[in-house]
PDB file of N, CA and C in Angstrom:
ATOM      1  N   MET A   1       8.954 161.854  69.581  1.00  0.00           N
ATOM      2  CA  MET A   1       9.875 160.500  68.900  1.00  0.00           C
ATOM      3  C   MET A   1       9.141 160.479  67.386  1.00  0.00           C
ATOM      4  N   ASN A   2       9.943 160.304  66.209  1.00  0.00           N
ATOM      5  CA  ASN A   2       9.504 160.373  65.210  1.00  0.00           C
ATOM      6  C   ASN A   2       9.288 158.902  64.844  1.00  0.00           C
ATOM      7  N   LEU A   3       8.916 158.576  63.647  1.00  0.00           N
ATOM      8  CA  LEU A   3       8.147 157.401  62.924  1.00  0.00           C
ATOM      9  C   LEU A   3       9.367 156.974  62.754  1.00  0.00           C
ATOM     10  N   THR A   4      11.074 157.519  62.399  1.00  0.00           N
ATOM     11  CA  THR A   4      12.310 156.793  62.107  1.00  0.00           C
ATOM     12  C   THR A   4      12.978 156.066  63.633  1.00  0.00           C
ATOM     13  N   ASN A   5      12.790 157.134  64.393  1.00  0.00           N
ATOM     14  CA  ASN A   5      13.151 156.415  65.486  1.00  0.00           C
ATOM     15  C   ASN A   5      12.243 155.391  66.602  1.00  0.00           C
ATOM     16  N   HIS A   6      10.801 155.435  65.763  1.00  0.00           N
ATOM     17  CA  HIS A   6      10.393 154.239  66.761  1.00  0.00           C
ATOM     18  C   HIS A   6      10.690 152.606  65.662  1.00  0.00           C
ATOM     19  N   VAL A   7      10.978 153.072  64.521  1.00  0.00           N
ATOM     20  CA  VAL A   7      11.128 151.927  63.691  1.00  0.00           C
ATOM     21  C   VAL A   7      12.782 151.214  64.528  1.00  0.00           C
ATOM     22  N   MET A   8      13.306 152.479  64.434  1.00  0.00           N
ATOM     23  CA  MET A   8      15.278 152.009  64.515  1.00  0.00           C
ATOM     24  C   MET A   8      14.889 151.116  66.065  1.00  0.00           C
ATOM     25  N   LEU A   9      13.973 151.425  66.886  1.00  0.00           N
ATOM     26  CA  LEU A   9      13.994 151.242  68.177  1.00  0.00           C
ATOM     27  C   LEU A   9      13.025 149.867  68.366  1.00  0.00           C
ATOM     28  N   LEU A  10      12.626 149.438  67.608  1.00  0.00           N
ATOM     29  CA  LEU A  10      11.521 148.507  67.429  1.00  0.00           C
ATOM     30  C   LEU A  10      12.845 147.507  66.619  1.00  0.00           C
ATOM     31  N   ALA A  11      13.318 148.122  65.950  1.00  0.00           N
ATOM     32  CA  ALA A  11      14.649 147.071  65.166  1.00  0.00           C
ATOM     33  C   ALA A  11      15.230 146.595  66.032  1.00  0.00           C
ATOM     34  N   ALA A  12      16.071 147.496  67.096  1.00  0.00           N
ATOM     35  CA  ALA A  12      17.017 147.379  67.929  1.00  0.00           C
ATOM     36  C   ALA A  12      16.344 146.126  68.972  1.00  0.00           C
ATOM     37  N   ALA A  13      15.182 146.247  68.978  1.00  0.00           N
ATOM     38  CA  ALA A  13      14.569 145.268  69.961  1.00  0.00           C
ATOM     39  C   ALA A  13      14.215 144.068  70.191  1.00  0.00           C
ATOM     40  N   LEU A  14      14.029 143.837  68.580  1.00  0.00           N
ATOM     41  CA  LEU A  14      13.986 143.037  67.952  1.00  0.00           C
ATOM     42  C   LEU A  14      15.151 142.365  67.557  1.00  0.00           C
ATOM     43  N   ALA A  15      16.257 142.488  67.481  1.00  0.00           N
ATOM     44  CA  ALA A  15      17.604 142.094  67.127  1.00  0.00           C
ATOM     45  C   ALA A  15      17.954 141.424  68.570  1.00  0.00           C
ATOM     46  N   ALA A  16      17.497 142.298  69.706  1.00  0.00           N
ATOM     47  CA  ALA A  16      18.229 141.814  70.919  1.00  0.00           C
ATOM     48  C   ALA A  16      16.955 140.429  71.368  1.00  0.00           C
ATOM     49  N   VAL A  17      15.814 140.713  70.962  1.00  0.00           N
ATOM     50  CA  VAL A  17      15.485 139.289  71.376  1.00  0.00           C
ATOM     51  C   VAL A  17      15.267 138.174  70.715  1.00  0.00           C
ATOM     52  N   LEU A  18      16.185 137.962  69.372  1.00  0.00           N
ATOM     53  CA  LEU A  18      15.953 137.210  68.662  1.00  0.00           C
ATOM     54  C   LEU A  18      17.570 136.598  68.674  1.00  0.00           C
ATOM     55  N   GLY A  19      18.899 137.681  69.104  1.00  0.00           N
ATOM     56  CA  GLY A  19      19.941 137.149  70.034  1.00  0.00           C
ATOM     57  C   GLY A  19      19.620 136.564  71.113  1.00  0.00           C
ATOM     58  N   ALA A  20      19.026 136.915  71.916  1.00  0.00           N
ATOM     59  CA  ALA A  20      18.663 136.741  73.361  1.00  0.00           C
ATOM     60  C   ALA A  20      18.483 134.669  73.045  1.00  0.00           C
ATOM     61  N   GLN A  21      17.602 134.635  72.115  1.00  0.00           N
ATOM     62  CA  GLN A  21      16.903 133.155  71.933  1.00  0.00           C
ATOM     63  C   GLN A  21      17.879 132.419  71.148  1.00  0.00           C
ATOM     64  N   SER A  22      18.572 132.709  70.130  1.00  0.00           N
ATOM     65  CA  SER A  22      19.862 131.696  69.978  1.00  0.00           C
ATOM     66  C   SER A  22      20.546 132.053  70.778  1.00  0.00           C
ATOM     67  N   ALA A  23      21.337 132.227  71.770  1.00  0.00           N
ATOM     68  CA  ALA A  23      21.575 132.222  72.949  1.00  0.00           C
ATOM     69  C   ALA A  23      21.561 131.107  73.428  1.00  0.00           C
ATOM     70  N   ILE A  24      20.103 130.718  74.100  1.00  0.00           N
ATOM     71  CA  ILE A  24      19.621 129.693  74.558  1.00  0.00           C
ATOM     72  C   ILE A  24      18.649 128.499  73.795  1.00  0.00           C
ATOM     73  N   ALA A  25      19.516 128.894  72.702  1.00  0.00           N
ATOM     74  CA  ALA A  25      18.608 127.248  72.150  1.00  0.00           C
ATOM     75  C   ALA A  25      19.446 126.261  72.743  1.00  0.00           C
ATOM     76  N   ALA A  26      18.346 125.010  72.627  1.00  0.00           N
ATOM     77  CA  ALA A  26      18.488 124.257  73.210  1.00  0.00           C
ATOM     78  C   ALA A  26      19.387 123.147  72.381  1.00  0.00           C
ATOM     79  N   ASP A  27      20.055 122.316  73.202  1.00  0.00           N
ATOM     80  CA  ASP A  27      21.117 121.934  72.295  1.00  0.00           C
ATOM     81  C   ASP A  27      20.576 119.817  72.402  1.00  0.00           C
ATOM     82  N   GLU A  28      21.193 119.558  71.804  1.00  0.00           N
ATOM     83  CA  GLU A  28      20.309 118.498  71.106  1.00  0.00           C
ATOM     84  C   GLU A  28      21.460 117.294  71.875  1.00  0.00           C
ATOM     85  N   ASP A  29      22.948 117.914  71.013  1.00  0.00           N
ATOM     86  CA  ASP A  29      23.523 116.878  71.764  1.00  0.00           C
ATOM     87  C   ASP A  29      24.156 116.706  73.683  1.00  0.00           C
ATOM     88  N   SER A  30      23.715 117.622  74.132  1.00  0.00           N
ATOM     89  CA  SER A  30      23.401 117.588  76.022  1.00  0.00           C
ATOM     90  C   SER A  30      22.891 116.915  76.040  1.00  0.00           C
ATOM     91  N   GLY A  31      21.561 116.756  74.903  1.00  0.00           N
ATOM     92  CA  GLY A  31      19.833 116.352  75.538  1.00  0.00           C
ATOM     93  C   GLY A  31      20.162 114.654  75.265  1.00  0.00           C
ATOM     94  N   LYS A  32      20.911 114.979  74.403  1.00  0.00           N
ATOM     95  CA  LYS A  32      21.537 112.851  74.018  1.00  0.00           C
ATOM     96  C   LYS A  32      21.768 112.570  75.208  1.00  0.00           C
ATOM     97  N   ARG A  33      23.310 112.899  75.858  1.00  0.00           N
ATOM     98  CA  ARG A  33      23.813 112.539  76.657  1.00  0.00           C
ATOM     99  C   ARG A  33      23.155 112.237  77.924  1.00  0.00           C
ATOM    100  N   LEU A  34      22.535 113.605  78.461  1.00  0.00           N
ATOM    101  CA  LEU A  34      21.692 113.744  79.967  1.00  0.00           C
ATOM    102  C   LEU A  34      20.334 112.375  79.566  1.00  0.00           C
ATOM    103  N   ALA A  35      19.831 111.887  78.289  1.00  0.00           N
ATOM    104  CA  ALA A  35      18.837 110.711  77.817  1.00  0.00           C
ATOM    105  C   ALA A  35      20.121 109.489  78.831  1.00  0.00           C
ATOM    106  N   GLN A  36      20.636 109.571  77.625  1.00  0.00           N
ATOM    107  CA  GLN A  36      21.946 107.774  78.038  1.00  0.00           C
ATOM    108  C   GLN A  36      22.055 108.093  79.655  1.00  0.00           C
ATOM    109  N   GLN A  37      22.337 109.165  79.993  1.00  0.00           N
ATOM    110  CA  GLN A  37      22.778 108.605  81.446  1.00  0.00           C
ATOM    111  C   GLN A  37      21.590 109.003  82.351  1.00  0.00           C
ATOM    112  N   HIS A  38      20.457 109.484  81.988  1.00  0.00           N
ATOM    113  CA  HIS A  38      19.545 109.225  83.240  1.00  0.00           C
ATOM    114  C   HIS A  38      18.137 108.711  82.824  1.00  0.00           C
ATOM    115  N   CYS A  39      17.784 108.540  81.506  1.00  0.00           N
ATOM    116  CA  CYS A  39      16.728 108.016  81.500  1.00  0.00           C
ATOM    117  C   CYS A  39      16.262 107.054  80.365  1.00  0.00           C
ATOM    118  N   SER A  40      17.874 106.161  80.267  1.00  0.00           N
ATOM    119  CA  SER A  40      17.862 105.110  79.583  1.00  0.00           C
ATOM    120  C   SER A  40      17.823 103.809  80.771  1.00  0.00           C
ATOM    121  N   PRO A  41      17.909 103.905  81.890  1.00  0.00           N
ATOM    122  CA  PRO A  41      17.013 102.775  82.615  1.00  0.00           C
ATOM    123  C   PRO A  41      15.334 102.512  82.348  1.00  0.00           C
ATOM    124  N   CYS A  42      14.885 103.443  82.057  1.00  0.00           N
ATOM    125  CA  CYS A  42      13.475 103.134  81.698  1.00  0.00           C
ATOM    126  C   CYS A  42      13.099 103.224  80.274  1.00  0.00           C
ATOM    127  N   HIS A  43      13.537 104.512  79.527  1.00  0.00           N
ATOM    128  CA  HIS A  43      13.403 104.472  78.531  1.00  0.00           C
ATOM    129  C   HIS A  43      14.327 104.131  77.348  1.00  0.00           C
ATOM    130  N   VAL A  44      13.887 103.278  76.046  1.00  0.00           N
ATOM    131  CA  VAL A  44      14.691 103.414  74.733  1.00  0.00           C
ATOM    132  C   VAL A  44      14.816 104.561  74.225  1.00  0.00           C
ATOM    133  N   VAL A  45      16.083 104.884  74.270  1.00  0.00           N
ATOM    134  CA  VAL A  45      16.750 106.254  73.980  1.00  0.00           C
ATOM    135  C   VAL A  45      17.120 106.481  72.898  1.00  0.00           C
ATOM    136  N   GLU A  46      17.562 105.536  72.372  1.00  0.00           N
ATOM    137  CA  GLU A  46      18.355 105.236  71.457  1.00  0.00           C
ATOM    138  C   GLU A  46      17.540 104.125  70.387  1.00  0.00           C
ATOM    139  N   PRO A  47      17.058 104.744  69.239  1.00  0.00           N
ATOM    140  CA  PRO A  47      16.347 103.683  68.313  1.00  0.00           C
ATOM    141  C   PRO A  47      17.307 102.637  68.069  1.00  0.00           C
ATOM    142  N   GLY A  48      16.601 101.002  67.928  1.00  0.00           N
ATOM    143  CA  GLY A  48      17.479 100.023  67.770  1.00  0.00           C
ATOM    144  C   GLY A  48      17.705  99.658  69.824  1.00  0.00           C
ATOM    145  N   SER A  49      17.546 100.025  70.645  1.00  0.00           N
ATOM    146  CA  SER A  49      18.204  99.840  71.868  1.00  0.00           C
ATOM    147  C   SER A  49      17.079  98.699  72.686  1.00  0.00           C
ATOM    148  N   ARG A  50      17.278  98.218  73.340  1.00  0.00           N
ATOM    149  CA  ARG A  50      15.948  97.289  73.402  1.00  0.00           C
ATOM    150  C   ARG A  50      16.288  97.207  75.217  1.00  0.00           C
ATOM    151  N   ARG A  51      16.344  98.271  76.296  1.00  0.00           N
ATOM    152  CA  ARG A  51      16.092  98.271  77.430  1.00  0.00           C
ATOM    153  C   ARG A  51      14.904  99.155  78.128  1.00  0.00           C
ATOM    154  N   GLU A  52      13.802  98.872  78.438  1.00  0.00           N
ATOM    155  CA  GLU A  52      12.732  99.766  78.710  1.00  0.00           C
ATOM    156  C   GLU A  52      11.443  98.980  79.498  1.00  0.00           C
ATOM    157  N   LEU A  53      11.122 100.285  80.178  1.00  0.00           N
ATOM    158  CA  LEU A  53       9.989  98.720  81.391  1.00  0.00           C
ATOM    159  C   LEU A  53       8.909  98.736  80.519  1.00  0.00           C
ATOM    160  N   ALA A  54       8.021  98.426  81.038  1.00  0.00           N
ATOM    161  CA  ALA A  54       6.606  98.300  79.836  1.00  0.00           C
ATOM    162  C   ALA A  54       5.715  99.424  79.975  1.00  0.00           C
ATOM    163  N   ASN A  55       6.073 100.186  81.046  1.00  0.00           N
ATOM    164  CA  ASN A  55       4.755 101.500  81.201  1.00  0.00           C
ATOM    165  C   ASN A  55       5.861 102.753  80.537  1.00  0.00           C
ATOM    166  N   SER A  56       7.089 102.448  79.770  1.00  0.00           N
ATOM    167  CA  SER A  56       8.100 103.640  79.195  1.00  0.00           C
ATOM    168  C   SER A  56       7.989 103.901  78.159  1.00  0.00           C
ATOM    169  N   PRO A  57       7.217 104.548  77.535  1.00  0.00           N
ATOM    170  CA  PRO A  57       7.185 104.690  76.147  1.00  0.00           C
ATOM    171  C   PRO A  57       9.127 104.948  75.527  1.00  0.00           C
ATOM    172  N   PRO A  58       9.194 104.361  74.364  1.00  0.00           N
ATOM    173  CA  PRO A  58      10.439 104.576  73.750  1.00  0.00           C
ATOM    174  C   PRO A  58      10.521 105.972  73.240  1.00  0.00           C
ATOM    175  N   PHE A  59      11.598 106.663  73.280  1.00  0.00           N
ATOM    176  CA  PHE A  59      11.632 108.209  72.952  1.00  0.00           C
ATOM    177  C   PHE A  59      11.401 108.462  71.522  1.00  0.00           C
ATOM    178  N   GLU A  60      11.279 107.252  70.309  1.00  0.00           N
ATOM    179  CA  GLU A  60      10.825 107.121  69.385  1.00  0.00           C
ATOM    180  C   GLU A  60       9.457 107.631  69.316  1.00  0.00           C
ATOM    181  N   THR A  61       8.525 106.682  70.212  1.00  0.00           N
ATOM    182  CA  THR A  61       6.817 107.209  70.263  1.00  0.00           C
ATOM    183  C   THR A  61       6.974 108.602  70.649  1.00  0.00           C
ATOM    184  N   ILE A  62       7.516 108.991  71.777  1.00  0.00           N
ATOM    185  CA  ILE A  62       7.101 110.273  72.125  1.00  0.00           C
ATOM    186  C   ILE A  62       7.590 111.114  71.125  1.00  0.00           C
ATOM    187  N   ALA A  63       8.959 111.209  70.202  1.00  0.00           N
ATOM    188  CA  ALA A  63       8.817 111.877  69.195  1.00  0.00           C
ATOM    189  C   ALA A  63       7.759 112.148  68.310  1.00  0.00           C
ATOM    190  N   ARG A  64       7.681 110.407  67.552  1.00  0.00           N
ATOM    191  CA  ARG A  64       6.329 110.543  66.833  1.00  0.00           C
ATOM    192  C   ARG A  64       5.330 111.012  67.055  1.00  0.00           C
ATOM    193  N   LYS A  65       4.893 111.314  68.450  1.00  0.00           N
ATOM    194  CA  LYS A  65       3.662 112.279  69.204  1.00  0.00           C
ATOM    195  C   LYS A  65       4.093 113.870  69.215  1.00  0.00           C
ATOM    196  N   PHE A  66       4.895 113.851  69.504  1.00  0.00           N
ATOM    197  CA  PHE A  66       5.115 115.470  70.427  1.00  0.00           C
ATOM    198  C   PHE A  66       6.440 116.006  69.355  1.00  0.00           C
ATOM    199  N   GLY A  67       6.950 115.667  68.499  1.00  0.00           N
ATOM    200  CA  GLY A  67       7.875 115.844  68.259  1.00  0.00           C
ATOM    201  C   GLY A  67       7.698 117.400  67.393  1.00  0.00           C
ATOM    202  N   SER A  68       6.786 117.672  67.215  1.00  0.00           N
ATOM    203  CA  SER A  68       6.643 119.393  66.179  1.00  0.00           C
ATOM    204  C   SER A  68       6.527 119.776  67.495  1.00  0.00           C
ATOM    205  N   ALA A  69       6.582 119.459  68.881  1.00  0.00           N
ATOM    206  CA  ALA A  69       6.035 120.652  70.008  1.00  0.00           C
ATOM    207  C   ALA A  69       7.005 120.176  71.297  1.00  0.00           C
ATOM    208  N   PRO A  70       8.516 120.424  71.154  1.00  0.00           N
ATOM    209  CA  PRO A  70       9.348 120.048  72.021  1.00  0.00           C
ATOM    210  C   PRO A  70       9.186 120.511  73.315  1.00  0.00           C
ATOM    211  N   GLU A  71       8.345 122.191  73.448  1.00  0.00           N
ATOM    212  CA  GLU A  71       8.042 122.731  74.368  1.00  0.00           C
ATOM    213  C   GLU A  71       7.066 121.720  75.701  1.00  0.00           C
ATOM    214  N   SER A  72       6.513 120.885  74.241  1.00  0.00           N
ATOM    215  CA  SER A  72       5.442 119.844  75.714  1.00  0.00           C
ATOM    216  C   SER A  72       6.355 119.106  76.164  1.00  0.00           C
ATOM    217  N   ILE A  73       7.294 118.194  75.462  1.00  0.00           N
ATOM    218  CA  ILE A  73       8.091 117.100  75.922  1.00  0.00           C
ATOM    219  C   ILE A  73       8.806 117.795  77.033  1.00  0.00           C
ATOM    220  N   ALA A  74       9.532 119.085  76.688  1.00  0.00           N
ATOM    221  CA  ALA A  74      10.482 119.549  77.971  1.00  0.00           C
ATOM    222  C   ALA A  74       9.331 119.895  79.451  1.00  0.00           C
ATOM    223  N   PHE A  75       8.224 120.520  79.002  1.00  0.00           N
ATOM    224  CA  PHE A  75       7.371 120.694  80.307  1.00  0.00           C
ATOM    225  C   PHE A  75       6.736 119.073  81.215  1.00  0.00           C
ATOM    226  N   ALA A  76       6.742 117.726  80.378  1.00  0.00           N
ATOM    227  CA  ALA A  76       6.720 116.678  80.860  1.00  0.00           C
ATOM    228  C   ALA A  76       7.463 116.197  81.616  1.00  0.00           C
ATOM    229  N   ILE A  77       8.949 116.107  81.057  1.00  0.00           N
ATOM    230  CA  ILE A  77      10.092 116.246  81.677  1.00  0.00           C
ATOM    231  C   ILE A  77      10.297 116.843  83.031  1.00  0.00           C
ATOM    232  N   LEU A  78       9.536 117.978  83.362  1.00  0.00           N
ATOM    233  CA  LEU A  78       9.955 118.659  83.952  1.00  0.00           C
ATOM    234  C   LEU A  78       8.788 118.309  85.339  1.00  0.00           C
ATOM    235  N   SER A  79       7.609 117.583  84.751  1.00  0.00           N
ATOM    236  CA  SER A  79       6.757 116.845  85.253  1.00  0.00           C
ATOM    237  C   SER A  79       7.239 116.003  86.415  1.00  0.00           C
ATOM    238  N   PRO A  80       7.023 115.843  87.665  1.00  0.00           N
ATOM    239  CA  PRO A  80       7.855 114.429  88.144  1.00  0.00           C
ATOM    240  C   PRO A  80       7.484 112.968  87.584  1.00  0.00           C
ATOM    241  N   HIS A  81       8.586 112.404  87.384  1.00  0.00           N
ATOM    242  CA  HIS A  81       8.075 110.662  87.049  1.00  0.00           C
ATOM    243  C   HIS A  81       8.022 110.233  88.083  1.00  0.00           C
ATOM    244  N   PRO A  82       7.386 108.938  87.847  1.00  0.00           N
ATOM    245  CA  PRO A  82       7.543 107.871  89.434  1.00  0.00           C
ATOM    246  C   PRO A  82       9.052 107.148  89.464  1.00  0.00           C
ATOM    247  N   ARG A  83       9.720 107.006  88.995  1.00  0.00           N
ATOM    248  CA  ARG A  83      10.854 106.452  89.066  1.00  0.00           C
ATOM    249  C   ARG A  83      12.141 107.086  88.976  1.00  0.00           C
ATOM    250  N   MET A  84      11.726 108.257  88.412  1.00  0.00           N
ATOM    251  CA  MET A  84      12.973 108.827  87.821  1.00  0.00           C
ATOM    252  C   MET A  84      13.884 109.593  88.858  1.00  0.00           C
ATOM    253  N   ASN A  85      14.796 109.556  88.142  1.00  0.00           N
ATOM    254  CA  ASN A  85      16.146 109.794  88.800  1.00  0.00           C
ATOM    255  C   ASN A  85      16.934 110.855  88.487  1.00  0.00           C
ATOM    256  N   LEU A  86      15.746 111.839  88.344  1.00  0.00           N
ATOM    257  CA  LEU A  86      16.899 113.108  87.814  1.00  0.00           C
ATOM    258  C   LEU A  86      15.764 114.249  87.996  1.00  0.00           C
ATOM    259  N   ALA A  87      16.312 115.344  88.502  1.00  0.00           N
ATOM    260  CA  ALA A  87      15.264 116.704  88.742  1.00  0.00           C
ATOM    261  C   ALA A  87      15.778 117.542  88.046  1.00  0.00           C
ATOM    262  N   PRO A  88      15.667 117.672  86.709  1.00  0.00           N
ATOM    263  CA  PRO A  88      15.953 118.583  85.704  1.00  0.00           C
ATOM    264  C   PRO A  88      15.724 119.634  85.945  1.00  0.00           C
ATOM    265  N   SER A  89      16.761 120.562  85.285  1.00  0.00           N
ATOM    266  CA  SER A  89      16.767 121.873  85.427  1.00  0.00           C
ATOM    267  C   SER A  89      16.040 122.133  84.290  1.00  0.00           C
ATOM    268  N   ARG A  90      15.512 123.330  84.069  1.00  0.00           N
ATOM    269  CA  ARG A  90      14.607 123.779  82.741  1.00  0.00           C
ATOM    270  C   ARG A  90      15.499 123.925  81.725  1.00  0.00           C
ATOM    271  N   ARG A  91      16.673 124.280  81.346  1.00  0.00           N
ATOM    272  CA  ARG A  91      17.836 124.097  80.538  1.00  0.00           C
ATOM    273  C   ARG A  91      17.647 122.197  80.201  1.00  0.00           C
ATOM    274  N   ASP A  92      18.274 121.630  81.088  1.00  0.00           N
ATOM    275  CA  ASP A  92      18.501 120.272  80.398  1.00  0.00           C
ATOM    276  C   ASP A  92      17.142 119.598  80.229  1.00  0.00           C
ATOM    277  N   ALA A  93      16.057 120.239  80.469  1.00  0.00           N
ATOM    278  CA  ALA A  93      14.830 119.293  80.046  1.00  0.00           C
ATOM    279  C   ALA A  93      14.414 119.701  79.012  1.00  0.00           C
ATOM    280  N   GLN A  94      14.849 121.488  78.635  1.00  0.00           N
ATOM    281  CA  GLN A  94      15.070 121.771  76.566  1.00  0.00           C
ATOM    282  C   GLN A  94      16.015 121.130  76.161  1.00  0.00           C
ATOM    283  N   ASP A  95      17.252 120.725  76.319  1.00  0.00           N
ATOM    284  CA  ASP A  95      17.803 119.563  75.684  1.00  0.00           C
ATOM    285  C   ASP A  95      17.678 118.281  75.447  1.00  0.00           C
ATOM    286  N   ILE A  96      16.795 117.393  76.350  1.00  0.00           N
ATOM    287  CA  ILE A  96      16.483 116.641  76.187  1.00  0.00           C
ATOM    288  C   ILE A  96      15.522 116.584  75.544  1.00  0.00           C
ATOM    289  N   ALA A  97      14.447 117.296  75.136  1.00  0.00           N
ATOM    290  CA  ALA A  97      13.219 117.173  74.287  1.00  0.00           C
ATOM    291  C   ALA A  97      13.894 117.881  73.322  1.00  0.00           C
ATOM    292  N   ALA A  98      14.841 118.731  73.063  1.00  0.00           N
ATOM    293  CA  ALA A  98      15.320 118.755  71.781  1.00  0.00           C
ATOM    294  C   ALA A  98      15.871 117.654  71.274  1.00  0.00           C
ATOM    295  N   TYR A  99      16.532 116.828  71.737  1.00  0.00           N
ATOM    296  CA  TYR A  99      16.948 115.466  71.301  1.00  0.00           C
ATOM    297  C   TYR A  99      15.794 114.848  71.151  1.00  0.00           C
ATOM    298  N   ILE A 100      15.307 114.264  71.794  1.00  0.00           N
ATOM    299  CA  ILE A 100      13.570 113.867  71.492  1.00  0.00           C
ATOM    300  C   ILE A 100      13.072 114.043  70.502  1.00  0.00           C
ATOM    301  N   ALA A 101      12.848 115.620  69.770  1.00  0.00           N
ATOM    302  CA  ALA A 101      12.451 115.905  68.878  1.00  0.00           C
ATOM    303  C   ALA A 101      13.186 115.884  67.484  1.00  0.00           C
ATOM    304  N   THR A 102      14.516 115.093  67.610  1.00  0.00           N
ATOM    305  CA  THR A 102      15.567 114.980  66.354  1.00  0.00           C
ATOM    306  C   THR A 102      15.061 113.403  65.863  1.00  0.00           C
ATOM    307  N   LEU A 103      14.094 112.523  66.713  1.00  0.00           N
ATOM    308  CA  LEU A 103      13.914 111.451  66.556  1.00  0.00           C
ATOM    309  C   LEU A 103      12.614 111.279  65.871  1.00  0.00           C
ATOM    310  N   ALA A 104      11.784 112.411  65.531  1.00  0.00           N
ATOM    311  CA  ALA A 104      10.656 112.260  64.867  1.00  0.00           C
ATOM    312  C   ALA A 104      10.885 112.048  63.455  1.00  0.00           C
ATOM    313  N   LYS A 105      10.134 111.069  63.172  1.00  0.00           N
ATOM    314  CA  LYS A 105      10.112 110.727  61.582  1.00  0.00           C
ATOM    315  C   LYS A 105       8.539 110.508  61.320  1.00  0.00           C
TER     316      LYS A 105
END
């Protein structure tokens, strides 16, 4: 295989990987809906809301601390929470994390 074929093969592989990543990008709107349904009993999900438990940080606080690393937020969501009424899929956790990341200021 010559250099041109290697370059073309590498370009095709890169295009496939980038295409797959955009196809599975996290959905902030879905994350917001999931958070409103499942997280709001304990957390302040939207700025200005006032329903939260004393030991459950508002999403804005989480976003300020971890907003630049939504994968860390998703990992935390997948870890069991004490009173959490959700057993999220990886996709749901990524969507919720994407929504939280939008709240970073």
